[in-house]
């Protein structure tokens, strides 16, 4: 709807597998998930050998964030237009690096 291709994962473990096997311009993750949580997903992304990928975290329990790993944090509930604006800003800032994946 806003010109982005979106891929989804059922949990953090699947998200990590997809991240490792493909190229992404940005990752959005919930913090509280079964198995691998969003903080661990962000840590994996930050420790990867891939180009820098912006990470947006979201949660209804914002005190559980390891803030230094995220480019943006959203406390639920939030406005969709705010998320879209953040996505577009982060992707624009990193779009030239996408070819380096």
N, C-alpha and C. Protein backbone atom coordinates (compact mmCIF):
# COMPACT_ATOMS: atom_id res chain seq x y z
N UNK A 1 0.81 -1.19 0.00
CA UNK A 1 0.00 0.00 0.00
C UNK A 1 0.86 1.27 0.00
N UNK A 2 2.03 1.18 0.55
CA UNK A 2 2.91 2.35 0.62
C UNK A 2 4.19 2.14 -0.17
N UNK A 3 4.18 1.17 -1.09
CA UNK A 3 5.31 0.95 -1.97
C UNK A 3 6.44 0.11 -1.40
N UNK A 4 6.16 -0.65 -0.35
CA UNK A 4 7.19 -1.50 0.26
C UNK A 4 6.83 -2.96 0.06
N UNK A 5 7.85 -3.79 -0.16
CA UNK A 5 7.66 -5.24 -0.15
C UNK A 5 7.87 -5.69 1.28
N UNK A 6 6.96 -6.49 1.78
CA UNK A 6 7.00 -6.91 3.19
C UNK A 6 7.09 -8.42 3.28
N UNK A 7 7.94 -8.89 4.15
CA UNK A 7 8.05 -10.31 4.48
C UNK A 7 7.75 -10.44 5.96
N UNK A 8 7.17 -11.54 6.37
CA UNK A 8 6.82 -11.72 7.78
C UNK A 8 7.44 -13.01 8.32
N UNK A 9 7.54 -13.07 9.63
CA UNK A 9 8.00 -14.26 10.32
C UNK A 9 7.08 -14.51 11.50
N UNK A 10 6.87 -15.77 11.82
CA UNK A 10 5.98 -16.12 12.92
C UNK A 10 6.61 -15.91 14.29
N UNK A 11 7.94 -15.88 14.35
CA UNK A 11 8.62 -15.68 15.62
C UNK A 11 10.04 -15.18 15.36
N UNK A 12 10.77 -14.90 16.42
CA UNK A 12 12.11 -14.35 16.29
C UNK A 12 13.09 -15.29 15.61
N UNK A 13 12.98 -16.58 15.89
CA UNK A 13 13.87 -17.56 15.26
C UNK A 13 13.70 -17.59 13.75
N UNK A 14 12.46 -17.58 13.31
CA UNK A 14 12.19 -17.55 11.87
C UNK A 14 12.67 -16.23 11.27
N UNK A 15 12.49 -15.15 12.00
CA UNK A 15 12.96 -13.85 11.52
C UNK A 15 14.46 -13.84 11.32
N UNK A 16 15.20 -14.41 12.23
CA UNK A 16 16.66 -14.49 12.11
C UNK A 16 17.04 -15.33 10.90
N UNK A 17 16.37 -16.45 10.70
CA UNK A 17 16.66 -17.31 9.54
C UNK A 17 16.43 -16.54 8.24
N UNK A 18 15.33 -15.81 8.16
CA UNK A 18 15.05 -15.03 6.96
C UNK A 18 16.07 -13.93 6.77
N UNK A 19 16.44 -13.25 7.84
CA UNK A 19 17.44 -12.19 7.76
C UNK A 19 18.76 -12.74 7.22
N UNK A 20 19.17 -13.90 7.72
CA UNK A 20 20.45 -14.49 7.31
C UNK A 20 20.45 -14.95 5.86
N UNK A 21 19.28 -15.29 5.33
CA UNK A 21 19.24 -15.86 3.98
C UNK A 21 18.81 -14.88 2.90
N UNK A 22 18.55 -13.63 3.25
CA UNK A 22 18.06 -12.67 2.26
C UNK A 22 18.59 -11.28 2.60
N UNK A 23 18.23 -10.31 1.78
CA UNK A 23 18.62 -8.91 2.01
C UNK A 23 17.39 -8.10 2.40
N UNK A 24 17.51 -7.32 3.45
CA UNK A 24 16.41 -6.48 3.91
C UNK A 24 16.92 -5.06 4.12
N UNK A 25 16.06 -4.10 3.80
CA UNK A 25 16.40 -2.69 4.00
C UNK A 25 16.10 -2.24 5.42
N UNK A 26 15.23 -2.98 6.12
CA UNK A 26 14.79 -2.59 7.44
C UNK A 26 14.12 -3.78 8.10
N UNK A 27 14.21 -3.87 9.42
CA UNK A 27 13.55 -4.93 10.18
C UNK A 27 12.67 -4.28 11.24
N UNK A 28 11.45 -4.77 11.35
CA UNK A 28 10.54 -4.37 12.42
C UNK A 28 10.29 -5.61 13.27
N UNK A 29 10.49 -5.50 14.55
CA UNK A 29 10.29 -6.65 15.42
C UNK A 29 9.54 -6.27 16.68
N UNK A 30 8.69 -7.18 17.12
CA UNK A 30 8.07 -7.05 18.43
C UNK A 30 9.12 -7.49 19.44
N UNK A 31 8.99 -7.08 20.66
CA UNK A 31 9.94 -7.48 21.69
C UNK A 31 9.52 -8.79 22.34
N UNK A 32 8.27 -8.89 22.74
CA UNK A 32 7.79 -10.08 23.43
C UNK A 32 7.26 -11.09 22.41
N UNK A 33 8.06 -12.11 22.15
CA UNK A 33 7.68 -13.19 21.23
C UNK A 33 8.09 -14.51 21.86
N UNK A 34 7.42 -15.58 21.49
CA UNK A 34 7.83 -16.89 22.00
C UNK A 34 9.21 -17.27 21.43
N UNK A 35 9.99 -17.97 22.20
CA UNK A 35 11.31 -18.38 21.74
C UNK A 35 12.28 -17.21 21.76
N UNK A 36 12.75 -16.82 20.60
CA UNK A 36 13.72 -15.74 20.47
C UNK A 36 12.98 -14.40 20.52
N UNK A 37 13.33 -13.54 21.49
CA UNK A 37 12.64 -12.26 21.62
C UNK A 37 13.25 -11.20 20.70
N UNK A 38 12.59 -10.06 20.61
CA UNK A 38 13.02 -8.99 19.72
C UNK A 38 14.37 -8.40 20.07
N UNK A 39 14.72 -8.36 21.34
CA UNK A 39 16.05 -7.89 21.73
C UNK A 39 17.12 -8.81 21.14
N UNK A 40 16.86 -10.11 21.15
CA UNK A 40 17.82 -11.07 20.60
C UNK A 40 17.89 -10.96 19.08
N UNK A 41 16.76 -10.70 18.45
CA UNK A 41 16.74 -10.48 16.99
C UNK A 41 17.61 -9.27 16.66
N UNK A 42 17.41 -8.17 17.36
CA UNK A 42 18.19 -6.96 17.11
C UNK A 42 19.68 -7.20 17.38
N UNK A 43 20.00 -7.93 18.43
CA UNK A 43 21.39 -8.25 18.74
C UNK A 43 22.02 -9.05 17.60
N UNK A 44 21.29 -10.02 17.08
CA UNK A 44 21.78 -10.84 15.97
C UNK A 44 22.06 -9.97 14.75
N UNK A 45 21.14 -9.08 14.44
CA UNK A 45 21.30 -8.19 13.29
C UNK A 45 22.52 -7.30 13.48
N UNK A 46 22.68 -6.72 14.66
CA UNK A 46 23.81 -5.83 14.94
C UNK A 46 25.16 -6.57 14.91
N UNK A 47 25.15 -7.85 15.23
CA UNK A 47 26.38 -8.64 15.23
C UNK A 47 26.65 -9.35 13.90
N UNK A 48 25.76 -9.19 12.93
CA UNK A 48 25.94 -9.86 11.65
C UNK A 48 27.01 -9.15 10.83
N UNK A 49 27.49 -9.84 9.82
CA UNK A 49 28.48 -9.27 8.91
C UNK A 49 27.86 -8.51 7.75
N UNK A 50 26.54 -8.40 7.75
CA UNK A 50 25.85 -7.70 6.67
C UNK A 50 25.96 -6.19 6.87
N UNK A 51 25.58 -5.46 5.84
CA UNK A 51 25.54 -4.00 5.92
C UNK A 51 24.64 -3.58 7.07
N UNK A 52 24.74 -2.34 7.47
CA UNK A 52 23.89 -1.84 8.55
C UNK A 52 22.43 -1.85 8.12
N UNK A 53 21.59 -2.47 8.91
CA UNK A 53 20.15 -2.55 8.65
C UNK A 53 19.43 -1.88 9.81
N UNK A 54 18.62 -0.84 9.54
CA UNK A 54 17.86 -0.22 10.63
C UNK A 54 16.88 -1.22 11.25
N UNK A 55 16.69 -1.10 12.55
CA UNK A 55 15.77 -1.98 13.28
C UNK A 55 14.79 -1.13 14.08
N UNK A 56 13.51 -1.40 13.88
CA UNK A 56 12.44 -0.77 14.66
C UNK A 56 11.90 -1.82 15.62
N UNK A 57 11.83 -1.46 16.89
CA UNK A 57 11.25 -2.34 17.89
C UNK A 57 9.92 -1.80 18.36
N UNK A 58 9.02 -2.71 18.69
CA UNK A 58 7.72 -2.30 19.22
C UNK A 58 7.32 -3.22 20.36
N UNK A 59 6.62 -2.64 21.33
CA UNK A 59 6.20 -3.44 22.48
C UNK A 59 5.17 -2.70 23.32
N UNK A 60 4.36 -3.48 23.97
CA UNK A 60 3.45 -2.94 24.97
C UNK A 60 4.13 -2.85 26.33
N UNK A 61 5.35 -3.38 26.39
CA UNK A 61 6.14 -3.35 27.62
C UNK A 61 7.48 -2.67 27.32
N UNK A 62 7.49 -1.35 27.17
CA UNK A 62 8.70 -0.66 26.71
C UNK A 62 9.90 -0.77 27.64
N UNK A 63 9.70 -1.12 28.88
CA UNK A 63 10.81 -1.27 29.81
C UNK A 63 11.66 -2.50 29.48
N UNK A 64 11.20 -3.35 28.55
CA UNK A 64 11.95 -4.55 28.19
C UNK A 64 12.91 -4.33 27.02
N UNK A 65 12.95 -3.12 26.46
CA UNK A 65 13.84 -2.82 25.34
C UNK A 65 15.28 -2.72 25.79
N UNK A 66 16.18 -3.25 24.96
CA UNK A 66 17.60 -2.94 25.07
C UNK A 66 17.83 -1.86 24.03
N UNK A 67 17.57 -0.62 24.42
CA UNK A 67 17.43 0.51 23.51
C UNK A 67 18.58 0.72 22.54
N UNK A 68 19.79 0.44 22.94
CA UNK A 68 20.94 0.76 22.09
C UNK A 68 20.96 -0.03 20.79
N UNK A 69 20.18 -1.08 20.70
CA UNK A 69 20.17 -1.92 19.49
C UNK A 69 19.14 -1.47 18.46
N UNK A 70 18.29 -0.52 18.81
CA UNK A 70 17.20 -0.12 17.94
C UNK A 70 17.39 1.30 17.42
N UNK A 71 16.98 1.50 16.17
CA UNK A 71 17.00 2.84 15.60
C UNK A 71 15.79 3.64 16.05
N UNK A 72 14.68 2.95 16.22
CA UNK A 72 13.43 3.57 16.66
C UNK A 72 12.68 2.58 17.52
N UNK A 73 11.98 3.09 18.51
CA UNK A 73 11.17 2.26 19.40
C UNK A 73 9.75 2.81 19.44
N UNK A 74 8.78 1.92 19.31
CA UNK A 74 7.38 2.30 19.40
C UNK A 74 6.72 1.57 20.56
N UNK A 75 6.06 2.34 21.40
CA UNK A 75 5.27 1.75 22.47
C UNK A 75 3.86 1.56 21.94
N UNK A 76 3.33 0.35 22.09
CA UNK A 76 1.96 0.06 21.65
C UNK A 76 0.98 0.72 22.60
N UNK A 77 -0.12 1.19 22.12
CA UNK A 77 -0.48 1.34 20.71
C UNK A 77 0.19 2.57 20.12
N UNK A 78 0.33 2.57 18.80
CA UNK A 78 0.90 3.72 18.10
C UNK A 78 0.14 3.91 16.79
N UNK A 79 0.31 5.07 16.21
CA UNK A 79 -0.39 5.41 14.97
C UNK A 79 0.35 4.80 13.78
N UNK A 80 -0.38 4.19 12.86
CA UNK A 80 0.21 3.60 11.67
C UNK A 80 0.99 4.65 10.86
N UNK A 81 0.45 5.86 10.77
CA UNK A 81 1.14 6.90 10.00
C UNK A 81 2.49 7.24 10.61
N UNK A 82 2.64 7.11 11.92
CA UNK A 82 3.92 7.36 12.58
C UNK A 82 4.91 6.26 12.21
N UNK A 83 4.45 5.03 12.19
CA UNK A 83 5.32 3.91 11.79
C UNK A 83 5.75 4.08 10.34
N UNK A 84 4.82 4.38 9.46
CA UNK A 84 5.14 4.54 8.03
C UNK A 84 6.14 5.67 7.83
N UNK A 85 5.97 6.75 8.51
CA UNK A 85 6.90 7.87 8.42
C UNK A 85 8.29 7.46 8.88
N UNK A 86 8.37 6.72 9.96
CA UNK A 86 9.65 6.27 10.47
C UNK A 86 10.31 5.30 9.50
N UNK A 87 9.54 4.36 8.96
CA UNK A 87 10.06 3.40 7.98
C UNK A 87 10.64 4.14 6.79
N UNK A 88 9.88 5.06 6.24
CA UNK A 88 10.33 5.79 5.05
C UNK A 88 11.59 6.60 5.35
N UNK A 89 11.67 7.23 6.50
CA UNK A 89 12.85 7.99 6.87
C UNK A 89 14.08 7.12 7.04
N UNK A 90 13.91 5.97 7.69
CA UNK A 90 15.05 5.07 7.90
C UNK A 90 15.51 4.43 6.60
N UNK A 91 14.58 4.04 5.75
CA UNK A 91 14.96 3.43 4.47
C UNK A 91 15.65 4.45 3.58
N UNK A 92 15.12 5.66 3.53
CA UNK A 92 15.74 6.71 2.73
C UNK A 92 17.19 6.95 3.15
N UNK A 93 17.41 6.93 4.43
CA UNK A 93 18.75 7.16 4.97
C UNK A 93 19.73 6.04 4.67
N UNK A 94 19.22 4.85 4.35
CA UNK A 94 20.09 3.70 4.11
C UNK A 94 19.92 3.09 2.73
N UNK A 95 19.14 3.70 1.84
CA UNK A 95 18.82 3.08 0.56
C UNK A 95 20.03 2.86 -0.33
N UNK A 96 21.01 3.72 -0.30
CA UNK A 96 22.19 3.55 -1.15
C UNK A 96 23.02 2.34 -0.73
N UNK A 97 22.96 1.97 0.54
CA UNK A 97 23.73 0.84 1.03
C UNK A 97 23.05 -0.50 0.71
N UNK A 98 21.79 -0.48 0.28
CA UNK A 98 21.04 -1.71 0.05
C UNK A 98 21.70 -2.60 -0.99
N UNK A 99 22.38 -2.02 -1.94
CA UNK A 99 23.01 -2.82 -2.98
C UNK A 99 24.21 -3.62 -2.45
N UNK A 100 24.65 -3.31 -1.25
CA UNK A 100 25.82 -3.99 -0.69
C UNK A 100 25.48 -5.27 0.05
N UNK A 101 24.27 -5.68 0.06
CA UNK A 101 23.82 -6.83 0.81
C UNK A 101 24.53 -8.11 0.41
